[in-house]
Amino acid sequence: MEWTRRLRVQHLELLLKLADTGSISETARLSFTAQPSLSKWLKELEDAVGAPLYERHSRGLRPTEHGRMLLIHAERVIGEMKRAQETLKAITHGNAFRISIGTSPATATHLVPESISDFLNLHPRASIELNEAPMYQLLERLEQGEHDLVIGRLDNYKPRPSLHNEMLSSEGIRVICRPEHPLTQRKIVNWDALNDYEWIVWPQGSPIRARLDAAITAAGSRPLRYRIESSSLMANLWMLQTTDLLTVASERVTEQFSQKGMIVDTGFELEARGSLGMCWRNESKPHFSLTDLKECFRINASKFRTSSLKA
């Protein structure tokens, strides 16, 4: 594998650009490289690897099986280099190290803040980067080395060879609305009552949306009137304030914002539960602080389970 020693980060970036554009000429233009030089470099790399990395078609380039595998490693190396740059920058500014956490919107309001606070008490000189996004995006970034840990719903999670996962808790999903909503005046809330109003729902493919759709199917109810599709928890809560829209939220989110007077639980028993968990890369030498970070999440998840049982 002598050819791997000759690869530089800029070469990996070229491979990724070729996959993104599907064009040697466009990649050459974007990277300020002469097209003949780029073509020659790619051919020499393929000769060194011993297999073609891209298939040439009339519509452009398409990665081969060898190419796809090399792209996975290229993304990971570039992600790790970006993280190294951020960590060195953190050290320059007086922090010992930098940890990147990815979280889904449903978990960012309770478990994540308290766990981060506990972690920083253990490591006062650490710095935290927190990013919120849908789980499928977070898991891709985790595999590419952009995050150290991802916290979110694992309902739709499929095991990946490159990742470890651990379930932290399971909680119910509630139907919520504004405190003055007409539905709060009803003694009995059923599927027919829920169909009288329009809904804010999470995007297709998100775990909480899948649970809602599954509950509707299991109940044999007609489809709800989905008016707004949104992945922003705070935007959803604010939209509830001035409309008769309905939406769903986890038990913990429902409890937290009910206490603030922003929303109420309709009391409808939705036959659905969600699994909350964490994922991290399968590495032989993970960052030393990752063990402490995971333990902070375990402890706080256990506290939430205990408080839910008491309630």
Protein backbone atom coordinates (compact mmCIF):
# COMPACT_ATOMS: atom_id res chain seq x y z
CA MET A 1 0.00 0.00 0.00
CA GLU A 2 2.83 2.37 -0.89
CA TRP A 3 0.36 4.66 -2.68
CA THR A 4 -1.35 5.60 0.61
CA ARG A 5 1.85 7.32 1.77
CA ARG A 6 1.75 9.63 -1.22
CA LEU A 7 -1.83 10.74 -0.63
CA ARG A 8 -2.32 14.20 0.84
CA VAL A 9 -5.42 15.81 2.29
CA GLN A 10 -5.86 17.83 -0.90
CA HIS A 11 -5.91 14.55 -2.87
CA LEU A 12 -8.71 13.24 -0.66
CA GLU A 13 -10.61 16.47 -1.24
CA LEU A 14 -10.21 15.98 -4.99
CA LEU A 15 -11.69 12.49 -4.72
CA LEU A 16 -14.68 13.87 -2.84
CA LYS A 17 -15.15 16.68 -5.37
CA LEU A 18 -15.09 14.16 -8.20
CA ALA A 19 -17.87 12.21 -6.47
CA ASP A 20 -19.90 15.37 -5.83
CA THR A 21 -19.62 16.82 -9.32
CA GLY A 22 -19.36 13.62 -11.35
CA SER A 23 -17.15 15.59 -13.70
CA ILE A 24 -13.40 15.89 -14.17
CA SER A 25 -13.73 19.26 -15.90
CA GLU A 26 -15.93 20.72 -13.14
CA THR A 27 -13.67 19.36 -10.40
CA ALA A 28 -10.65 20.86 -12.18
CA ARG A 29 -12.41 24.21 -12.38
CA LEU A 30 -13.44 24.21 -8.70
CA SER A 31 -9.99 23.15 -7.50
CA PHE A 32 -8.08 25.48 -9.85
CA THR A 33 -6.33 22.50 -11.44
CA ALA A 34 -5.61 21.83 -15.10
CA GLN A 35 -7.95 19.14 -16.42
CA PRO A 36 -5.17 17.06 -18.06
CA SER A 37 -3.21 17.09 -14.79
CA LEU A 38 -6.26 15.94 -12.83
CA SER A 39 -7.00 13.15 -15.32
CA LYS A 40 -3.38 11.99 -15.20
CA TRP A 41 -3.33 12.02 -11.38
CA LEU A 42 -6.56 9.99 -11.18
CA LYS A 43 -5.26 7.43 -13.69
CA GLU A 44 -1.98 7.06 -11.76
CA LEU A 45 -3.88 6.61 -8.50
CA GLU A 46 -6.12 3.94 -10.03
CA ASP A 47 -3.06 2.14 -11.40
CA ALA A 48 -1.47 2.23 -7.94
CA VAL A 49 -4.66 0.95 -6.28
CA GLY A 50 -4.97 -1.76 -8.91
CA ALA A 51 -8.63 -1.06 -9.68
CA PRO A 52 -10.72 1.73 -11.22
CA LEU A 53 -12.15 4.19 -8.69
CA TYR A 54 -14.68 5.77 -11.05
CA GLU A 55 -16.70 4.45 -13.96
CA ARG A 56 -16.68 6.74 -16.99
CA HIS A 57 -20.14 7.33 -18.48
CA SER A 58 -21.54 9.74 -21.03
CA ARG A 59 -23.16 11.62 -18.14
CA GLY A 60 -19.99 11.74 -16.08
CA LEU A 61 -18.20 9.81 -13.37
CA ARG A 62 -19.69 7.31 -10.96
CA PRO A 63 -17.73 5.75 -8.04
CA THR A 64 -16.98 2.03 -8.32
CA GLU A 65 -17.08 -0.29 -5.31
CA HIS A 66 -13.40 0.46 -4.70
CA GLY A 67 -14.10 4.16 -5.12
CA ARG A 68 -16.98 4.17 -2.66
CA MET A 69 -14.86 2.46 -0.03
CA LEU A 70 -12.01 4.95 -0.51
CA LEU A 71 -14.49 7.85 -0.32
CA ILE A 72 -15.74 6.62 3.06
CA HIS A 73 -12.20 6.70 4.43
CA ALA A 74 -11.49 10.04 2.74
CA GLU A 75 -14.51 11.63 4.43
CA ARG A 76 -13.41 10.23 7.77
CA VAL A 77 -9.81 11.47 7.44
CA ILE A 78 -10.93 14.97 6.41
CA GLY A 79 -13.43 15.04 9.26
CA GLU A 80 -10.72 14.04 11.73
CA MET A 81 -8.38 16.72 10.38
CA LYS A 82 -11.07 19.36 10.82
CA ARG A 83 -11.60 18.16 14.38
CA ALA A 84 -7.84 18.29 15.01
CA GLN A 85 -7.79 21.89 13.78
CA GLU A 86 -10.68 22.79 16.10
CA THR A 87 -9.03 21.05 19.05
CA LEU A 88 -5.72 22.86 18.51
CA LYS A 89 -7.61 26.14 18.26
CA ALA A 90 -9.35 25.35 21.55
CA ILE A 91 -6.00 24.66 23.22
CA THR A 92 -4.66 27.96 21.86
CA HIS A 93 -7.57 29.74 23.56
CA GLY A 94 -6.86 28.07 26.90
CA ASN A 95 -9.11 25.01 26.69
CA ALA A 96 -7.69 21.53 27.21
CA PHE A 97 -9.68 19.81 24.44
CA ARG A 98 -12.85 20.09 22.39
CA ILE A 99 -15.75 17.62 22.25
CA SER A 100 -18.37 17.69 19.50
CA ILE A 101 -21.89 16.46 20.29
CA GLY A 102 -24.71 16.00 17.81
CA THR A 103 -28.28 15.98 19.09
CA SER A 104 -31.74 15.66 17.64
CA PRO A 105 -34.29 18.40 18.48
CA ALA A 106 -36.31 16.12 20.76
CA THR A 107 -33.38 15.60 23.16
CA ALA A 108 -31.83 19.07 23.15
CA THR A 109 -34.20 20.50 25.75
CA HIS A 110 -33.49 18.35 28.79
CA LEU A 111 -31.03 15.44 28.76
CA VAL A 112 -28.30 17.14 26.74
CA PRO A 113 -27.97 20.43 28.73
CA GLU A 114 -27.81 18.71 32.11
CA SER A 115 -25.33 16.09 30.91
CA ILE A 116 -23.07 18.73 29.35
CA SER A 117 -23.15 20.72 32.59
CA ASP A 118 -22.09 17.65 34.59
CA PHE A 119 -19.34 16.87 32.08
CA LEU A 120 -17.92 20.40 32.28
CA ASN A 121 -17.84 20.10 36.07
CA LEU A 122 -15.61 17.03 35.60
CA HIS A 123 -13.50 18.72 32.91
CA PRO A 124 -13.49 22.49 33.58
CA ARG A 125 -11.06 23.26 30.75
CA ALA A 126 -12.95 21.34 28.08
CA SER A 127 -14.96 23.12 25.39
CA ILE A 128 -18.13 21.78 23.81
CA GLU A 129 -19.46 22.08 20.28
CA LEU A 130 -23.19 21.26 20.11
CA ASN A 131 -24.99 20.76 16.80
CA GLU A 132 -28.69 20.04 16.33
CA ALA A 133 -29.94 18.18 13.25
CA PRO A 134 -32.05 15.19 12.17
CA MET A 135 -30.62 11.83 13.24
CA TYR A 136 -29.71 10.62 9.75
CA GLN A 137 -27.51 13.69 9.24
CA LEU A 138 -25.92 13.37 12.67
CA LEU A 139 -25.04 9.71 12.12
CA GLU A 140 -23.38 10.52 8.79
CA ARG A 141 -21.34 13.25 10.47
CA LEU A 142 -20.43 10.88 13.29
CA GLU A 143 -19.10 8.31 10.83
CA GLN A 144 -17.11 11.04 9.08
CA GLY A 145 -15.45 12.09 12.33
CA GLU A 146 -17.25 15.42 12.70
CA HIS A 147 -18.89 14.45 16.02
CA ASP A 148 -17.64 12.46 19.00
CA LEU A 149 -21.07 11.47 20.27
CA VAL A 150 -24.64 11.62 18.96
CA ILE A 151 -27.71 11.69 21.19
CA GLY A 152 -31.17 11.13 19.77
CA ARG A 153 -34.04 8.79 19.03
CA LEU A 154 -33.03 5.30 17.94
CA ASP A 155 -36.47 4.09 16.81
CA ASN A 156 -35.40 3.93 13.15
CA TYR A 157 -31.75 3.17 13.84
CA LYS A 158 -30.12 0.34 11.90
CA PRO A 159 -26.84 -1.06 13.28
CA ARG A 160 -23.71 0.12 11.47
CA PRO A 161 -20.33 -1.64 11.60
CA SER A 162 -18.52 1.64 12.20
CA LEU A 163 -20.67 2.69 15.19
CA HIS A 164 -21.58 1.59 18.71
CA ASN A 165 -25.01 2.39 20.12
CA GLU A 166 -26.66 2.23 23.54
CA MET A 167 -30.27 2.82 24.52
CA LEU A 168 -30.67 5.25 27.42
CA SER A 169 -34.41 5.39 27.99
CA SER A 170 -37.85 4.85 26.55
CA GLU A 171 -40.71 7.30 26.93
CA GLY A 172 -44.23 7.85 25.69
CA ILE A 173 -45.33 10.34 23.06
CA ARG A 174 -48.06 12.85 23.88
CA VAL A 175 -50.47 14.93 21.80
CA ILE A 176 -50.13 18.59 22.83
CA CYS A 177 -51.81 21.93 22.12
CA ARG A 178 -52.06 25.47 23.51
CA PRO A 179 -53.71 25.85 26.95
CA GLU A 180 -56.83 27.60 25.53
CA HIS A 181 -57.36 25.08 22.73
CA PRO A 182 -61.02 23.99 22.24
CA LEU A 183 -59.91 20.38 22.62
CA THR A 184 -59.13 21.00 26.29
CA GLN A 185 -62.86 21.47 26.94
CA ARG A 186 -63.71 17.96 25.79
CA LYS A 187 -64.13 15.21 28.35
CA ILE A 188 -63.14 12.51 25.88
CA VAL A 189 -60.47 12.99 23.24
CA ASN A 190 -60.41 10.31 20.54
CA TRP A 191 -59.12 9.94 16.99
CA ASP A 192 -62.22 11.60 15.56
CA ALA A 193 -61.60 14.63 17.78
CA LEU A 194 -57.96 14.79 16.68
CA ASN A 195 -59.10 14.74 13.05
CA ASP A 196 -61.11 17.91 13.61
CA TYR A 197 -57.88 19.94 13.71
CA GLU A 198 -54.83 20.46 11.55
CA TRP A 199 -51.40 19.30 12.64
CA ILE A 200 -47.74 20.24 12.83
CA VAL A 201 -45.72 17.09 12.22
CA TRP A 202 -42.05 16.19 12.18
CA PRO A 203 -40.52 15.43 8.74
CA GLN A 204 -41.04 12.10 7.02
CA GLY A 205 -38.38 9.65 8.16
CA SER A 206 -37.91 11.17 11.63
CA PRO A 207 -38.44 8.67 14.49
CA ILE A 208 -41.26 10.58 16.20
CA ARG A 209 -43.11 10.96 12.87
CA ALA A 210 -42.75 7.23 12.25
CA ARG A 211 -44.24 6.50 15.68
CA LEU A 212 -47.21 8.80 15.02
CA ASP A 213 -47.87 7.26 11.60
CA ALA A 214 -47.61 3.75 13.08
CA ALA A 215 -50.10 4.63 15.84
CA ILE A 216 -52.58 5.96 13.26
CA THR A 217 -52.22 2.77 11.22
CA ALA A 218 -52.61 0.51 14.27
CA ALA A 219 -55.76 2.36 15.33
CA GLY A 220 -57.29 2.11 11.86
CA SER A 221 -57.87 5.85 11.89
CA ARG A 222 -58.12 7.94 8.76
CA PRO A 223 -55.05 10.11 8.02
CA LEU A 224 -54.66 13.23 10.13
CA ARG A 225 -54.62 16.62 8.44
CA TYR A 226 -50.93 17.43 8.30
CA ARG A 227 -50.68 21.18 7.62
CA ILE A 228 -47.09 22.01 8.57
CA GLU A 229 -44.00 19.81 8.44
CA SER A 230 -41.25 21.12 10.72
CA SER A 231 -38.14 19.78 12.45
CA SER A 232 -37.82 22.77 14.80
CA LEU A 233 -39.15 22.07 18.27
CA MET A 234 -39.17 25.71 19.36
CA ALA A 235 -40.86 26.87 16.16
CA ASN A 236 -43.51 24.19 16.63
CA LEU A 237 -44.17 25.30 20.21
CA TRP A 238 -44.49 28.94 19.20
CA MET A 239 -46.86 28.12 16.34
CA LEU A 240 -49.11 26.32 18.80
CA GLN A 241 -49.49 29.50 20.84
CA THR A 242 -51.62 31.37 18.30
CA THR A 243 -53.38 28.55 16.43
CA ASP A 244 -55.54 25.50 17.01
CA LEU A 245 -52.88 23.25 15.53
CA LEU A 246 -51.92 20.02 17.29
CA THR A 247 -48.59 18.22 17.43
CA VAL A 248 -46.80 15.43 19.29
CA ALA A 249 -43.90 15.60 21.73
CA SER A 250 -42.08 13.27 24.09
CA GLU A 251 -43.28 12.96 27.69
CA ARG A 252 -40.25 14.87 28.96
CA VAL A 253 -40.72 17.78 26.53
CA THR A 254 -44.44 17.84 27.32
CA GLU A 255 -43.75 18.00 31.05
CA GLN A 256 -41.08 20.68 30.70
CA PHE A 257 -43.13 23.12 28.61
CA SER A 258 -46.40 22.39 30.40
CA GLN A 259 -44.74 23.63 33.57
CA LYS A 260 -43.91 26.87 31.74
CA GLY A 261 -47.55 27.27 30.73
CA MET A 262 -46.78 27.10 27.01
CA ILE A 263 -48.66 23.91 26.16
CA VAL A 264 -50.93 21.28 27.68
CA ASP A 265 -51.26 17.54 27.28
CA THR A 266 -54.59 16.66 25.61
CA GLY A 267 -54.72 13.47 27.65
CA PHE A 268 -55.04 11.33 24.55
CA GLU A 269 -53.42 7.92 25.00
CA LEU A 270 -51.24 7.53 21.93
CA GLU A 271 -50.10 3.93 21.62
CA ALA A 272 -46.50 4.79 20.84
CA ARG A 273 -43.21 4.99 22.66
CA GLY A 274 -39.83 6.31 21.57
CA SER A 275 -36.33 5.04 22.34
CA LEU A 276 -33.64 7.53 23.28
CA GLY A 277 -30.00 6.55 22.94
CA MET A 278 -26.45 7.50 22.05
CA CYS A 279 -24.03 6.47 19.30
CA TRP A 280 -20.26 6.77 18.98
CA ARG A 281 -17.59 5.53 16.60
CA ASN A 282 -16.07 2.07 16.86
CA GLU A 283 -12.47 3.13 17.49
CA SER A 284 -9.55 1.36 19.15
CA LYS A 285 -8.39 4.61 20.79
CA PRO A 286 -11.36 6.92 21.46
CA HIS A 287 -10.83 10.28 23.12
CA PHE A 288 -10.13 9.72 26.83
CA SER A 289 -12.99 12.00 27.92
CA LEU A 290 -15.64 10.16 25.89
CA THR A 291 -16.06 7.62 28.70
CA ASP A 292 -16.91 10.40 31.16
CA LEU A 293 -19.28 12.06 28.69
CA LYS A 294 -21.22 8.85 28.08
CA GLU A 295 -21.46 8.22 31.81
CA CYS A 296 -22.95 11.70 32.35
CA PHE A 297 -25.68 10.87 29.84
CA ARG A 298 -26.32 7.50 31.49
CA ILE A 299 -26.68 9.05 34.94
CA ASN A 300 -29.05 11.79 33.79
CA ALA A 301 -31.12 9.39 31.71
CA SER A 302 -31.47 7.23 34.82
CA LYS A 303 -32.61 10.28 36.82
CA PHE A 304 -35.27 11.06 34.21
CA ARG A 305 -36.51 7.47 34.28
CA THR A 306 -36.77 7.58 38.07
CA SER A 307 -38.65 10.90 38.08
CA SER A 308 -41.07 9.59 35.43
CA LEU A 309 -41.85 6.52 37.54
CA LYS A 310 -42.51 8.69 40.60
CA ALA A 311 -44.79 10.95 38.56
